[in-house]
Amino acid sequence: MAHSKSSNRWLQEHAQDEYVKLAQAQGYRSRAVFKLKEIQEKDNIIKPGMNIIDLGAAPGGWSQFAKPLLNKKNKLIALDILPIEPINGVDFIQGDFREEQVFSQLLSTLDGAAVDLVMSDMAPNMSGNKGVDQPSAMYLGELALDTAKAVLTKNGTFLVKVFQGEGFEAFHQEVRQLFSTVHIRKPKASRPRSNEVYILAKGFK
């Protein structure tokens, strides 16, 4: 299978990437853990006593990082279209959460528990075509926000990966109307040339 120049560059960057090495050394499933870890260290969004939904969870790094910060009886529900290796204490739902049946499964797993944090590290499979990738990425952000609106408790927190570009400003505004405080975070583990950022919104109205 021939790799394009850009995927070769990606593979090379990936192999030399300090966060990839750190993830392997520390037993994490993905380098994305370090993005959440940095946000956690700065903003303390995950606290004992919370119930959390992790959207687009595969391969499970965020759930793997968050679960030990919670109490045993708290719920952490991870969703993805792709399967993930089981994580102790994490409820995993495989499927597309836009589908009613998957959403119902989420609600029955919650079993009336209040959701304090919805986090999403979802991104589309990038084609390299901005005109396609940017709308797809913003659409996933909107889906995550719709989920947050449906399940978050009052004063809950929402963390979502988005890409700066067309549609970003409107989405940012929409989040600001729904939450008391909104910050943009660009963790060090985000590749510098990527236009990915995280919107962190606290105090769901």
N, C-alpha and C. Protein backbone atom coordinates (compact mmCIF):
# COMPACT_ATOMS: atom_id res chain seq x y z
N MET A 1 0.85 -1.19 0.00
CA MET A 1 0.00 0.00 0.00
C MET A 1 0.89 1.25 0.00
N ALA A 2 0.73 2.09 -0.98
CA ALA A 2 1.57 3.29 -1.07
C ALA A 2 1.04 4.38 -0.14
N HIS A 3 1.95 5.00 0.58
CA HIS A 3 1.55 6.12 1.45
C HIS A 3 1.81 7.43 0.72
N SER A 4 0.91 8.38 0.87
CA SER A 4 1.15 9.69 0.29
C SER A 4 2.26 10.37 1.09
N LYS A 5 2.82 11.45 0.51
CA LYS A 5 3.86 12.21 1.22
C LYS A 5 3.37 12.65 2.58
N SER A 6 2.12 13.16 2.63
CA SER A 6 1.65 13.70 3.90
C SER A 6 1.44 12.59 4.93
N SER A 7 0.99 11.42 4.49
CA SER A 7 0.81 10.36 5.50
C SER A 7 2.17 9.82 5.93
N ASN A 8 3.15 9.83 5.01
CA ASN A 8 4.52 9.47 5.42
C ASN A 8 5.04 10.44 6.46
N ARG A 9 4.80 11.71 6.22
CA ARG A 9 5.24 12.73 7.18
C ARG A 9 4.55 12.50 8.52
N TRP A 10 3.25 12.18 8.45
CA TRP A 10 2.49 11.93 9.68
C TRP A 10 3.07 10.74 10.43
N LEU A 11 3.36 9.66 9.69
CA LEU A 11 3.89 8.45 10.34
C LEU A 11 5.24 8.73 10.98
N GLN A 12 6.05 9.53 10.29
CA GLN A 12 7.37 9.89 10.81
C GLN A 12 7.22 10.75 12.07
N GLU A 13 6.35 11.76 11.96
CA GLU A 13 6.09 12.65 13.11
C GLU A 13 5.57 11.83 14.28
N HIS A 14 4.68 10.90 13.96
CA HIS A 14 4.03 10.10 14.99
C HIS A 14 5.08 9.27 15.72
N ALA A 15 5.97 8.67 14.97
CA ALA A 15 6.99 7.80 15.57
C ALA A 15 7.93 8.60 16.46
N GLN A 16 8.21 9.85 16.05
CA GLN A 16 9.16 10.67 16.82
C GLN A 16 8.46 11.48 17.91
N ASP A 17 7.16 11.41 17.92
CA ASP A 17 6.36 12.28 18.79
C ASP A 17 6.58 11.95 20.27
N GLU A 18 6.98 12.95 21.04
CA GLU A 18 7.26 12.70 22.47
C GLU A 18 6.01 12.21 23.20
N TYR A 19 4.82 12.68 22.77
CA TYR A 19 3.59 12.29 23.47
C TYR A 19 3.21 10.85 23.16
N VAL A 20 3.54 10.40 21.93
CA VAL A 20 3.29 9.00 21.59
C VAL A 20 4.17 8.12 22.49
N LYS A 21 5.43 8.53 22.62
CA LYS A 21 6.37 7.76 23.47
C LYS A 21 5.92 7.77 24.92
N LEU A 22 5.49 8.94 25.39
CA LEU A 22 5.01 9.05 26.77
C LEU A 22 3.80 8.16 27.00
N ALA A 23 2.87 8.17 26.04
CA ALA A 23 1.65 7.36 26.17
C ALA A 23 2.04 5.88 26.27
N GLN A 24 2.97 5.47 25.40
CA GLN A 24 3.41 4.06 25.45
C GLN A 24 4.07 3.76 26.79
N ALA A 25 4.93 4.68 27.23
CA ALA A 25 5.67 4.45 28.47
C ALA A 25 4.74 4.39 29.68
N GLN A 26 3.69 5.22 29.66
CA GLN A 26 2.80 5.31 30.82
C GLN A 26 1.57 4.40 30.72
N GLY A 27 1.53 3.62 29.63
CA GLY A 27 0.44 2.65 29.50
C GLY A 27 -0.90 3.25 29.09
N TYR A 28 -0.85 4.44 28.45
CA TYR A 28 -2.10 5.04 27.95
C TYR A 28 -2.36 4.58 26.52
N ARG A 29 -3.63 4.62 26.18
CA ARG A 29 -4.01 4.10 24.86
C ARG A 29 -3.75 5.07 23.71
N SER A 30 -3.61 6.36 24.02
CA SER A 30 -3.39 7.31 22.94
C SER A 30 -2.72 8.57 23.46
N ARG A 31 -2.10 9.30 22.54
CA ARG A 31 -1.44 10.56 22.92
C ARG A 31 -2.47 11.62 23.33
N ALA A 32 -3.72 11.42 22.92
CA ALA A 32 -4.78 12.39 23.25
C ALA A 32 -4.97 12.54 24.75
N VAL A 33 -4.55 11.53 25.50
CA VAL A 33 -4.64 11.59 26.97
C VAL A 33 -3.98 12.87 27.49
N PHE A 34 -2.87 13.26 26.87
CA PHE A 34 -2.11 14.39 27.40
C PHE A 34 -2.80 15.73 27.16
N LYS A 35 -3.70 15.75 26.19
CA LYS A 35 -4.51 16.97 25.97
C LYS A 35 -5.48 17.12 27.14
N LEU A 36 -6.15 16.02 27.46
CA LEU A 36 -7.11 16.07 28.57
C LEU A 36 -6.39 16.31 29.90
N LYS A 37 -5.23 15.69 30.05
CA LYS A 37 -4.45 15.81 31.29
C LYS A 37 -4.07 17.28 31.53
N GLU A 38 -3.63 17.95 30.47
CA GLU A 38 -3.23 19.36 30.61
C GLU A 38 -4.43 20.24 30.96
N ILE A 39 -5.57 19.96 30.31
CA ILE A 39 -6.78 20.73 30.62
C ILE A 39 -7.22 20.46 32.06
N GLN A 40 -7.11 19.21 32.47
CA GLN A 40 -7.47 18.84 33.84
C GLN A 40 -6.57 19.57 34.84
N GLU A 41 -5.27 19.61 34.56
CA GLU A 41 -4.34 20.27 35.49
C GLU A 41 -4.63 21.77 35.61
N LYS A 42 -5.06 22.36 34.50
CA LYS A 42 -5.31 23.80 34.49
C LYS A 42 -6.71 24.14 35.01
N ASP A 43 -7.69 23.35 34.63
CA ASP A 43 -9.09 23.73 34.87
C ASP A 43 -9.84 22.83 35.83
N ASN A 44 -9.24 21.72 36.22
CA ASN A 44 -9.85 20.80 37.19
C ASN A 44 -11.31 20.48 36.86
N ILE A 45 -11.52 19.95 35.66
CA ILE A 45 -12.90 19.71 35.22
C ILE A 45 -13.44 18.36 35.69
N ILE A 46 -12.54 17.42 36.03
CA ILE A 46 -12.99 16.09 36.46
C ILE A 46 -12.79 15.99 37.96
N LYS A 47 -13.89 15.75 38.68
CA LYS A 47 -13.80 15.69 40.14
C LYS A 47 -14.52 14.45 40.65
N PRO A 48 -14.09 13.93 41.82
CA PRO A 48 -14.80 12.79 42.40
C PRO A 48 -16.27 13.17 42.58
N GLY A 49 -17.16 12.21 42.37
CA GLY A 49 -18.58 12.50 42.55
C GLY A 49 -19.29 12.82 41.25
N MET A 50 -18.54 12.96 40.16
CA MET A 50 -19.16 13.32 38.87
C MET A 50 -19.58 12.08 38.08
N ASN A 51 -20.56 12.30 37.22
CA ASN A 51 -20.89 11.32 36.18
C ASN A 51 -20.52 11.95 34.85
N ILE A 52 -19.86 11.17 33.99
CA ILE A 52 -19.28 11.71 32.77
C ILE A 52 -19.69 10.91 31.54
N ILE A 53 -19.90 11.63 30.43
CA ILE A 53 -20.09 10.98 29.14
C ILE A 53 -18.91 11.37 28.25
N ASP A 54 -18.30 10.34 27.64
CA ASP A 54 -17.13 10.53 26.78
C ASP A 54 -17.54 10.14 25.36
N LEU A 55 -17.72 11.14 24.50
CA LEU A 55 -18.19 10.90 23.13
C LEU A 55 -17.00 10.69 22.19
N GLY A 56 -17.15 9.76 21.27
CA GLY A 56 -16.06 9.49 20.33
C GLY A 56 -14.86 8.97 21.08
N ALA A 57 -15.10 8.01 21.96
CA ALA A 57 -14.11 7.62 22.97
C ALA A 57 -12.94 6.78 22.46
N ALA A 58 -13.12 6.04 21.34
CA ALA A 58 -12.07 5.12 20.88
C ALA A 58 -10.75 5.87 20.63
N PRO A 59 -9.63 5.30 20.99
CA PRO A 59 -9.41 3.97 21.59
C PRO A 59 -9.63 3.91 23.10
N GLY A 60 -10.07 5.01 23.71
CA GLY A 60 -10.43 4.94 25.13
C GLY A 60 -9.50 5.68 26.07
N GLY A 61 -8.56 6.44 25.52
CA GLY A 61 -7.58 7.14 26.36
C GLY A 61 -8.19 8.10 27.36
N TRP A 62 -9.18 8.88 26.92
CA TRP A 62 -9.79 9.87 27.82
C TRP A 62 -10.51 9.18 28.98
N SER A 63 -11.24 8.12 28.67
CA SER A 63 -11.95 7.38 29.73
C SER A 63 -10.95 6.73 30.68
N GLN A 64 -9.88 6.21 30.10
CA GLN A 64 -8.82 5.56 30.88
C GLN A 64 -8.20 6.56 31.87
N PHE A 65 -8.04 7.79 31.42
CA PHE A 65 -7.46 8.83 32.29
C PHE A 65 -8.47 9.30 33.34
N ALA A 66 -9.73 9.47 32.92
CA ALA A 66 -10.74 10.08 33.80
C ALA A 66 -11.24 9.14 34.89
N LYS A 67 -11.36 7.86 34.58
CA LYS A 67 -12.01 6.92 35.51
C LYS A 67 -11.37 6.92 36.91
N PRO A 68 -10.04 6.85 37.03
CA PRO A 68 -9.44 6.82 38.38
C PRO A 68 -9.67 8.09 39.19
N LEU A 69 -10.07 9.18 38.52
CA LEU A 69 -10.31 10.44 39.24
C LEU A 69 -11.71 10.49 39.86
N LEU A 70 -12.54 9.49 39.52
CA LEU A 70 -13.92 9.48 40.00
C LEU A 70 -14.06 8.52 41.18
N ASN A 71 -15.20 8.62 41.85
CA ASN A 71 -15.52 7.63 42.88
C ASN A 71 -16.00 6.35 42.21
N LYS A 72 -15.90 5.25 42.95
CA LYS A 72 -16.27 3.95 42.36
C LYS A 72 -17.71 3.93 41.86
N LYS A 73 -18.59 4.60 42.59
CA LYS A 73 -20.01 4.46 42.21
C LYS A 73 -20.41 5.44 41.10
N ASN A 74 -19.52 6.32 40.70
CA ASN A 74 -19.85 7.26 39.62
C ASN A 74 -19.87 6.56 38.27
N LYS A 75 -20.65 7.12 37.38
CA LYS A 75 -20.76 6.54 36.04
C LYS A 75 -19.85 7.27 35.06
N LEU A 76 -19.14 6.49 34.27
CA LEU A 76 -18.44 7.04 33.12
C LEU A 76 -18.88 6.22 31.94
N ILE A 77 -19.59 6.87 31.03
CA ILE A 77 -20.14 6.16 29.87
C ILE A 77 -19.41 6.64 28.62
N ALA A 78 -18.79 5.70 27.93
CA ALA A 78 -18.05 6.02 26.71
C ALA A 78 -18.84 5.54 25.50
N LEU A 79 -18.88 6.36 24.45
CA LEU A 79 -19.58 5.98 23.23
C LEU A 79 -18.66 6.13 22.03
N ASP A 80 -18.75 5.19 21.11
CA ASP A 80 -18.05 5.34 19.84
C ASP A 80 -18.64 4.36 18.84
N ILE A 81 -18.45 4.69 17.57
CA ILE A 81 -18.88 3.77 16.50
C ILE A 81 -17.92 2.59 16.46
N LEU A 82 -16.65 2.87 16.80
CA LEU A 82 -15.62 1.82 16.80
C LEU A 82 -15.60 1.09 18.15
N PRO A 83 -15.20 -0.17 18.15
CA PRO A 83 -15.11 -0.89 19.43
C PRO A 83 -13.91 -0.39 20.24
N ILE A 84 -13.97 -0.53 21.55
CA ILE A 84 -12.78 -0.27 22.36
C ILE A 84 -12.55 -1.45 23.31
N GLU A 85 -11.31 -1.66 23.65
CA GLU A 85 -10.97 -2.68 24.65
C GLU A 85 -11.63 -2.27 25.97
N PRO A 86 -12.22 -3.20 26.71
CA PRO A 86 -12.91 -2.82 27.95
C PRO A 86 -12.00 -2.08 28.92
N ILE A 87 -12.58 -1.13 29.63
CA ILE A 87 -11.87 -0.40 30.68
C ILE A 87 -12.64 -0.64 31.96
N ASN A 88 -11.94 -1.04 32.99
CA ASN A 88 -12.58 -1.35 34.26
C ASN A 88 -13.41 -0.18 34.77
N GLY A 89 -14.71 -0.44 35.04
CA GLY A 89 -15.57 0.60 35.60
C GLY A 89 -16.18 1.56 34.59
N VAL A 90 -15.86 1.36 33.32
CA VAL A 90 -16.42 2.25 32.27
C VAL A 90 -17.49 1.48 31.50
N ASP A 91 -18.69 2.10 31.37
CA ASP A 91 -19.74 1.50 30.54
C ASP A 91 -19.49 1.94 29.11
N PHE A 92 -19.37 0.99 28.21
CA PHE A 92 -19.13 1.35 26.81
C PHE A 92 -20.33 1.01 25.96
N ILE A 93 -20.75 1.97 25.14
CA ILE A 93 -21.85 1.73 24.19
C ILE A 93 -21.29 1.91 22.79
N GLN A 94 -21.34 0.84 22.00
CA GLN A 94 -20.86 0.95 20.63
C GLN A 94 -22.03 1.26 19.72
N GLY A 95 -21.89 2.32 18.94
CA GLY A 95 -22.94 2.70 18.02
C GLY A 95 -22.89 4.18 17.73
N ASP A 96 -23.78 4.61 16.87
CA ASP A 96 -23.86 6.01 16.46
C ASP A 96 -24.89 6.69 17.34
N PHE A 97 -24.42 7.64 18.17
CA PHE A 97 -25.36 8.19 19.16
C PHE A 97 -26.41 9.10 18.55
N ARG A 98 -26.34 9.33 17.22
CA ARG A 98 -27.44 10.06 16.56
C ARG A 98 -28.67 9.15 16.44
N GLU A 99 -28.42 7.83 16.54
CA GLU A 99 -29.54 6.90 16.40
C GLU A 99 -30.30 6.80 17.70
N GLU A 100 -31.60 6.81 17.58
CA GLU A 100 -32.47 6.84 18.75
C GLU A 100 -32.20 5.68 19.70
N GLN A 101 -31.95 4.51 19.10
CA GLN A 101 -31.77 3.31 19.89
C GLN A 101 -30.50 3.43 20.76
N VAL A 102 -29.42 4.04 20.18
CA VAL A 102 -28.16 4.21 20.92
C VAL A 102 -28.35 5.25 22.02
N PHE A 103 -29.08 6.30 21.67
CA PHE A 103 -29.34 7.36 22.66
C PHE A 103 -30.19 6.80 23.82
N SER A 104 -31.16 5.94 23.49
CA SER A 104 -31.98 5.32 24.54
C SER A 104 -31.13 4.43 25.44
N GLN A 105 -30.17 3.75 24.81
CA GLN A 105 -29.26 2.89 25.58
C GLN A 105 -28.45 3.76 26.55
N LEU A 106 -28.04 4.92 26.08
CA LEU A 106 -27.29 5.86 26.93
C LEU A 106 -28.15 6.26 28.13
N LEU A 107 -29.40 6.62 27.86
CA LEU A 107 -30.29 7.06 28.95
C LEU A 107 -30.55 5.93 29.93
N SER A 108 -30.70 4.71 29.42
CA SER A 108 -30.99 3.62 30.37
C SER A 108 -29.73 3.26 31.17
N THR A 109 -28.55 3.43 30.58
CA THR A 109 -27.30 3.19 31.33
C THR A 109 -27.14 4.24 32.41
N LEU A 110 -27.54 5.47 32.09
CA LEU A 110 -27.47 6.55 33.09
C LEU A 110 -28.42 6.27 34.25
N ASP A 111 -29.57 5.70 33.91
CA ASP A 111 -30.54 5.31 34.93
C ASP A 111 -30.87 6.47 35.88
N GLY A 112 -31.09 7.64 35.28
CA GLY A 112 -31.52 8.80 36.07
C GLY A 112 -30.38 9.58 36.73
N ALA A 113 -29.13 9.10 36.57
CA ALA A 113 -28.00 9.82 37.18
C ALA A 113 -27.78 11.15 36.47
N ALA A 114 -27.43 12.18 37.23
CA ALA A 114 -27.17 13.50 36.63
C ALA A 114 -25.81 13.48 35.93
N VAL A 115 -25.73 14.08 34.76
CA VAL A 115 -24.46 14.14 34.02
C VAL A 115 -23.79 15.49 34.28
N ASP A 116 -22.58 15.43 34.82
CA ASP A 116 -21.87 16.65 35.20
C ASP A 116 -20.90 17.14 34.13
N LEU A 117 -20.47 16.22 33.27
CA LEU A 117 -19.49 16.58 32.24
C LEU A 117 -19.73 15.76 30.99
N VAL A 118 -19.85 16.47 29.86
CA VAL A 118 -19.86 15.80 28.56
C VAL A 118 -18.58 16.21 27.86
N MET A 119 -17.77 15.23 27.48
CA MET A 119 -16.52 15.57 26.78
C MET A 119 -16.46 14.83 25.45
N SER A 120 -15.90 15.51 24.45
CA SER A 120 -15.87 14.94 23.11
C SER A 120 -14.54 15.26 22.44
N ASP A 121 -13.84 14.20 22.04
CA ASP A 121 -12.60 14.36 21.30
C ASP A 121 -12.82 13.87 19.87
N MET A 122 -14.07 13.93 19.42
CA MET A 122 -14.40 13.41 18.09
C MET A 122 -13.80 14.28 17.00
N ALA A 123 -13.35 13.62 15.94
CA ALA A 123 -12.91 14.33 14.74
C ALA A 123 -13.26 13.45 13.55
N PRO A 124 -13.57 14.07 12.42
CA PRO A 124 -13.86 13.24 11.24
C PRO A 124 -12.57 12.61 10.71
N ASN A 125 -12.71 11.60 9.85
CA ASN A 125 -11.54 11.09 9.15
C ASN A 125 -11.13 12.17 8.15
N MET A 126 -9.98 12.77 8.38
CA MET A 126 -9.58 13.92 7.56
C MET A 126 -9.20 13.50 6.15
N SER A 127 -9.78 14.19 5.16
CA SER A 127 -9.48 13.87 3.76
C SER A 127 -8.38 14.78 3.24
N GLY A 128 -8.10 15.87 4.00
CA GLY A 128 -7.13 16.85 3.50
C GLY A 128 -7.81 17.96 2.71
N ASN A 129 -9.11 17.79 2.44
CA ASN A 129 -9.87 18.82 1.74
C ASN A 129 -10.64 19.66 2.76
N LYS A 130 -10.18 20.90 2.97
CA LYS A 130 -10.79 21.76 4.00
C LYS A 130 -12.28 21.94 3.82
N GLY A 131 -12.71 22.03 2.56
CA GLY A 131 -14.12 22.26 2.26
C GLY A 131 -15.00 21.12 2.73
N VAL A 132 -14.41 19.93 2.85
CA VAL A 132 -15.15 18.76 3.34
C VAL A 132 -14.90 18.56 4.83
N ASP A 133 -13.62 18.65 5.22
CA ASP A 133 -13.23 18.34 6.60
C ASP A 133 -13.81 19.31 7.62
N GLN A 134 -13.75 20.61 7.30
CA GLN A 134 -14.20 21.60 8.28
C GLN A 134 -15.69 21.45 8.61
N PRO A 135 -16.58 21.39 7.59
CA PRO A 135 -18.00 21.17 7.92
C PRO A 135 -18.24 19.87 8.69
N SER A 136 -17.50 18.80 8.34
CA SER A 136 -17.68 17.52 9.05
C SER A 136 -17.31 17.67 10.51
N ALA A 137 -16.20 18.38 10.75
CA ALA A 137 -15.72 18.56 12.12
C ALA A 137 -16.71 19.41 12.92
N MET A 138 -17.23 20.48 12.29
CA MET A 138 -18.19 21.35 12.99
C MET A 138 -19.49 20.59 13.26
N TYR A 139 -19.86 19.72 12.34
CA TYR A 139 -21.07 18.92 12.52
C TYR A 139 -20.92 18.01 13.75
N LEU A 140 -19.75 17.41 13.92
CA LEU A 140 -19.52 16.57 15.10
C LEU A 140 -19.56 17.40 16.38
N GLY A 141 -19.04 18.63 16.30
CA GLY A 141 -19.12 19.54 17.45
C GLY A 141 -20.57 19.84 17.82
N GLU A 142 -21.37 20.08 16.79
CA GLU A 142 -22.81 20.35 17.01
C GLU A 142 -23.50 19.15 17.65
N LEU A 143 -23.16 17.95 17.16
CA LEU A 143 -23.75 16.73 17.73
C LEU A 143 -23.40 16.60 19.20
N ALA A 144 -22.14 16.89 19.52
CA ALA A 144 -21.70 16.80 20.91
C ALA A 144 -22.46 17.82 21.76
N LEU A 145 -22.66 19.02 21.20
CA LEU A 145 -23.38 20.07 21.93
C LEU A 145 -24.85 19.67 22.12
N ASP A 146 -25.44 19.07 21.09
CA ASP A 146 -26.83 18.60 21.21
C ASP A 146 -26.96 17.58 22.34
N THR A 147 -25.98 16.69 22.42
CA THR A 147 -25.98 15.68 23.48
C THR A 147 -25.86 16.36 24.84
N ALA A 148 -24.94 17.33 24.93
CA ALA A 148 -24.76 18.05 26.19
C ALA A 148 -26.06 18.74 26.60
N LYS A 149 -26.72 19.37 25.64
CA LYS A 149 -27.99 20.07 25.94
C LYS A 149 -29.04 19.09 26.43
N ALA A 150 -29.00 17.87 25.89
CA ALA A 150 -30.02 16.87 26.25
C ALA A 150 -29.77 16.25 27.63
N VAL A 151 -28.51 16.12 28.03
CA VAL A 151 -28.25 15.33 29.25
C VAL A 151 -27.60 16.08 30.41
N LEU A 152 -26.96 17.23 30.13
CA LEU A 152 -26.20 17.89 31.21
C LEU A 152 -27.09 18.43 32.32
N THR A 153 -26.61 18.32 33.53
CA THR A 153 -27.29 18.91 34.67
C THR A 153 -26.97 20.41 34.71
N LYS A 154 -27.78 21.17 35.45
CA LYS A 154 -27.53 22.60 35.59
C LYS A 154 -26.11 22.80 36.15
N ASN A 155 -25.42 23.80 35.63
CA ASN A 155 -24.02 24.09 36.00
C ASN A 155 -23.02 23.03 35.53
N GLY A 156 -23.47 22.13 34.65
CA GLY A 156 -22.57 21.10 34.13
C GLY A 156 -21.50 21.69 33.21
N THR A 157 -20.54 20.83 32.84
CA THR A 157 -19.38 21.25 32.03
C THR A 157 -19.36 20.50 30.70
N PHE A 158 -18.86 21.20 29.69
CA PHE A 158 -18.81 20.65 28.33
C PHE A 158 -17.42 20.93 27.77
N LEU A 159 -16.75 19.88 27.28
CA LEU A 159 -15.43 20.03 26.66
C LEU A 159 -15.50 19.39 25.29
N VAL A 160 -15.17 20.16 24.24
CA VAL A 160 -15.32 19.64 22.88
C VAL A 160 -14.16 20.06 22.00
N LYS A 161 -13.69 19.11 21.20
CA LYS A 161 -12.66 19.44 20.21
C LYS A 161 -13.32 20.02 18.98
N VAL A 162 -12.80 21.14 18.51
CA VAL A 162 -13.28 21.74 17.26
C VAL A 162 -12.06 22.24 16.49
N PHE A 163 -12.31 22.62 15.25
CA PHE A 163 -11.23 23.12 14.41
C PHE A 163 -11.55 24.55 13.99
N GLN A 164 -10.57 25.43 14.16
CA GLN A 164 -10.80 26.82 13.80
C GLN A 164 -10.91 26.92 12.28
N GLY A 165 -11.92 27.66 11.85
CA GLY A 165 -12.18 27.77 10.41
C GLY A 165 -13.65 28.11 10.25
N GLU A 166 -14.18 27.84 9.08
CA GLU A 166 -15.57 28.20 8.80
C GLU A 166 -16.52 27.52 9.78
N GLY A 167 -17.44 28.30 10.35
CA GLY A 167 -18.44 27.75 11.27
C GLY A 167 -18.00 27.78 12.72
N PHE A 168 -16.71 28.01 12.95
CA PHE A 168 -16.19 27.97 14.32
C PHE A 168 -16.77 29.10 15.17
N GLU A 169 -16.77 30.30 14.62
CA GLU A 169 -17.21 31.48 15.38
C GLU A 169 -18.67 31.34 15.80
N ALA A 170 -19.51 30.89 14.87
CA ALA A 170 -20.94 30.73 15.16
C ALA A 170 -21.15 29.68 16.25
N PHE A 171 -20.37 28.60 16.19
CA PHE A 171 -20.47 27.54 17.18
C PHE A 171 -20.02 28.07 18.55
N HIS A 172 -18.93 28.80 18.55
CA HIS A 172 -18.39 29.39 19.78
C HIS A 172 -19.44 30.29 20.45
N GLN A 173 -20.12 31.09 19.62
CA GLN A 173 -21.19 31.98 20.12
C GLN A 173 -22.33 31.19 20.74
N GLU A 174 -22.70 30.12 20.05
CA GLU A 174 -23.81 29.29 20.52
C GLU A 174 -23.49 28.71 21.90
N VAL A 175 -22.24 28.23 22.04
CA VAL A 175 -21.81 27.67 23.33
C VAL A 175 -21.85 28.75 24.41
N ARG A 176 -21.43 29.96 24.05
CA ARG A 176 -21.40 31.06 25.03
C ARG A 176 -22.78 31.44 25.53
N GLN A 177 -23.79 31.22 24.69
CA GLN A 177 -25.16 31.53 25.13
C GLN A 177 -25.67 30.51 26.14
N LEU A 178 -25.11 29.30 26.09
CA LEU A 178 -25.64 28.21 26.91
C LEU A 178 -24.90 28.01 28.23
N PHE A 179 -23.68 28.58 28.31
CA PHE A 179 -22.84 28.36 29.50
C PHE A 179 -22.37 29.69 30.08
N SER A 180 -22.07 29.68 31.39
CA SER A 180 -21.65 30.92 32.06
C SER A 180 -20.25 31.36 31.66
N THR A 181 -19.30 30.41 31.60
CA THR A 181 -17.94 30.78 31.21
C THR A 181 -17.45 29.84 30.12
N VAL A 182 -16.78 30.42 29.13
CA VAL A 182 -16.28 29.63 28.00
C VAL A 182 -14.83 30.02 27.71
N HIS A 183 -13.96 29.03 27.64
CA HIS A 183 -12.55 29.27 27.34
C HIS A 183 -12.14 28.44 26.14
N ILE A 184 -11.13 28.90 25.43
CA ILE A 184 -10.54 28.10 24.36
C ILE A 184 -9.18 27.62 24.85
N ARG A 185 -8.96 26.33 24.75
CA ARG A 185 -7.70 25.74 25.20
C ARG A 185 -6.98 25.08 24.01
N LYS A 186 -5.68 25.32 23.93
CA LYS A 186 -4.86 24.66 22.91
C LYS A 186 -3.75 23.93 23.65
N PRO A 187 -3.99 22.68 24.04
CA PRO A 187 -2.98 21.96 24.83
C PRO A 187 -1.68 21.77 24.04
N LYS A 188 -0.59 21.66 24.78
CA LYS A 188 0.73 21.47 24.15
C LYS A 188 0.76 20.20 23.30
N ALA A 189 -0.01 19.21 23.68
CA ALA A 189 0.00 17.96 22.92
C ALA A 189 -0.76 18.06 21.59
N SER A 190 -1.48 19.18 21.36
CA SER A 190 -2.07 19.39 20.03
C SER A 190 -0.93 19.71 19.08
N ARG A 191 -0.90 19.07 17.95
CA ARG A 191 0.19 19.35 17.00
C ARG A 191 0.13 20.82 16.59
N PRO A 192 1.27 21.51 16.63
CA PRO A 192 1.28 22.96 16.40
C PRO A 192 0.63 23.38 15.09
N ARG A 193 0.82 22.56 14.03
CA ARG A 193 0.25 23.03 12.75
C ARG A 193 -1.22 22.63 12.58
N SER A 194 -1.75 21.93 13.58
CA SER A 194 -3.17 21.59 13.52
C SER A 194 -3.98 22.79 14.00
N ASN A 195 -5.14 23.03 13.37
CA ASN A 195 -5.98 24.14 13.83
C ASN A 195 -7.01 23.65 14.84
N GLU A 196 -6.70 22.51 15.49
CA GLU A 196 -7.62 21.98 16.49
C GLU A 196 -7.46 22.77 17.79
N VAL A 197 -8.60 23.06 18.40
CA VAL A 197 -8.61 23.65 19.74
C VAL A 197 -9.73 22.97 20.52
N TYR A 198 -9.75 23.20 21.83
CA TYR A 198 -10.82 22.66 22.66
C TYR A 198 -11.60 23.82 23.23
N ILE A 199 -12.92 23.73 23.12
CA ILE A 199 -13.78 24.71 23.79
C ILE A 199 -14.20 24.09 25.12
N LEU A 200 -13.89 24.82 26.18
CA LEU A 200 -14.25 24.37 27.51
C LEU A 200 -15.31 25.32 28.07
N ALA A 201 -16.49 24.76 28.32
CA ALA A 201 -17.62 25.58 28.77
C ALA A 201 -18.09 25.08 30.12
N LYS A 202 -18.19 26.00 31.07
CA LYS A 202 -18.63 25.64 32.42
C LYS A 202 -19.90 26.40 32.77
N GLY A 203 -20.70 25.80 33.67
CA GLY A 203 -21.90 26.48 34.16
C GLY A 203 -23.04 26.45 33.17
N PHE A 204 -23.46 25.21 32.81
CA PHE A 204 -24.59 25.06 31.89
C PHE A 204 -25.81 25.74 32.47
N LYS A 205 -26.44 26.60 31.67
CA LYS A 205 -27.59 27.36 32.21
C LYS A 205 -28.82 26.46 32.20
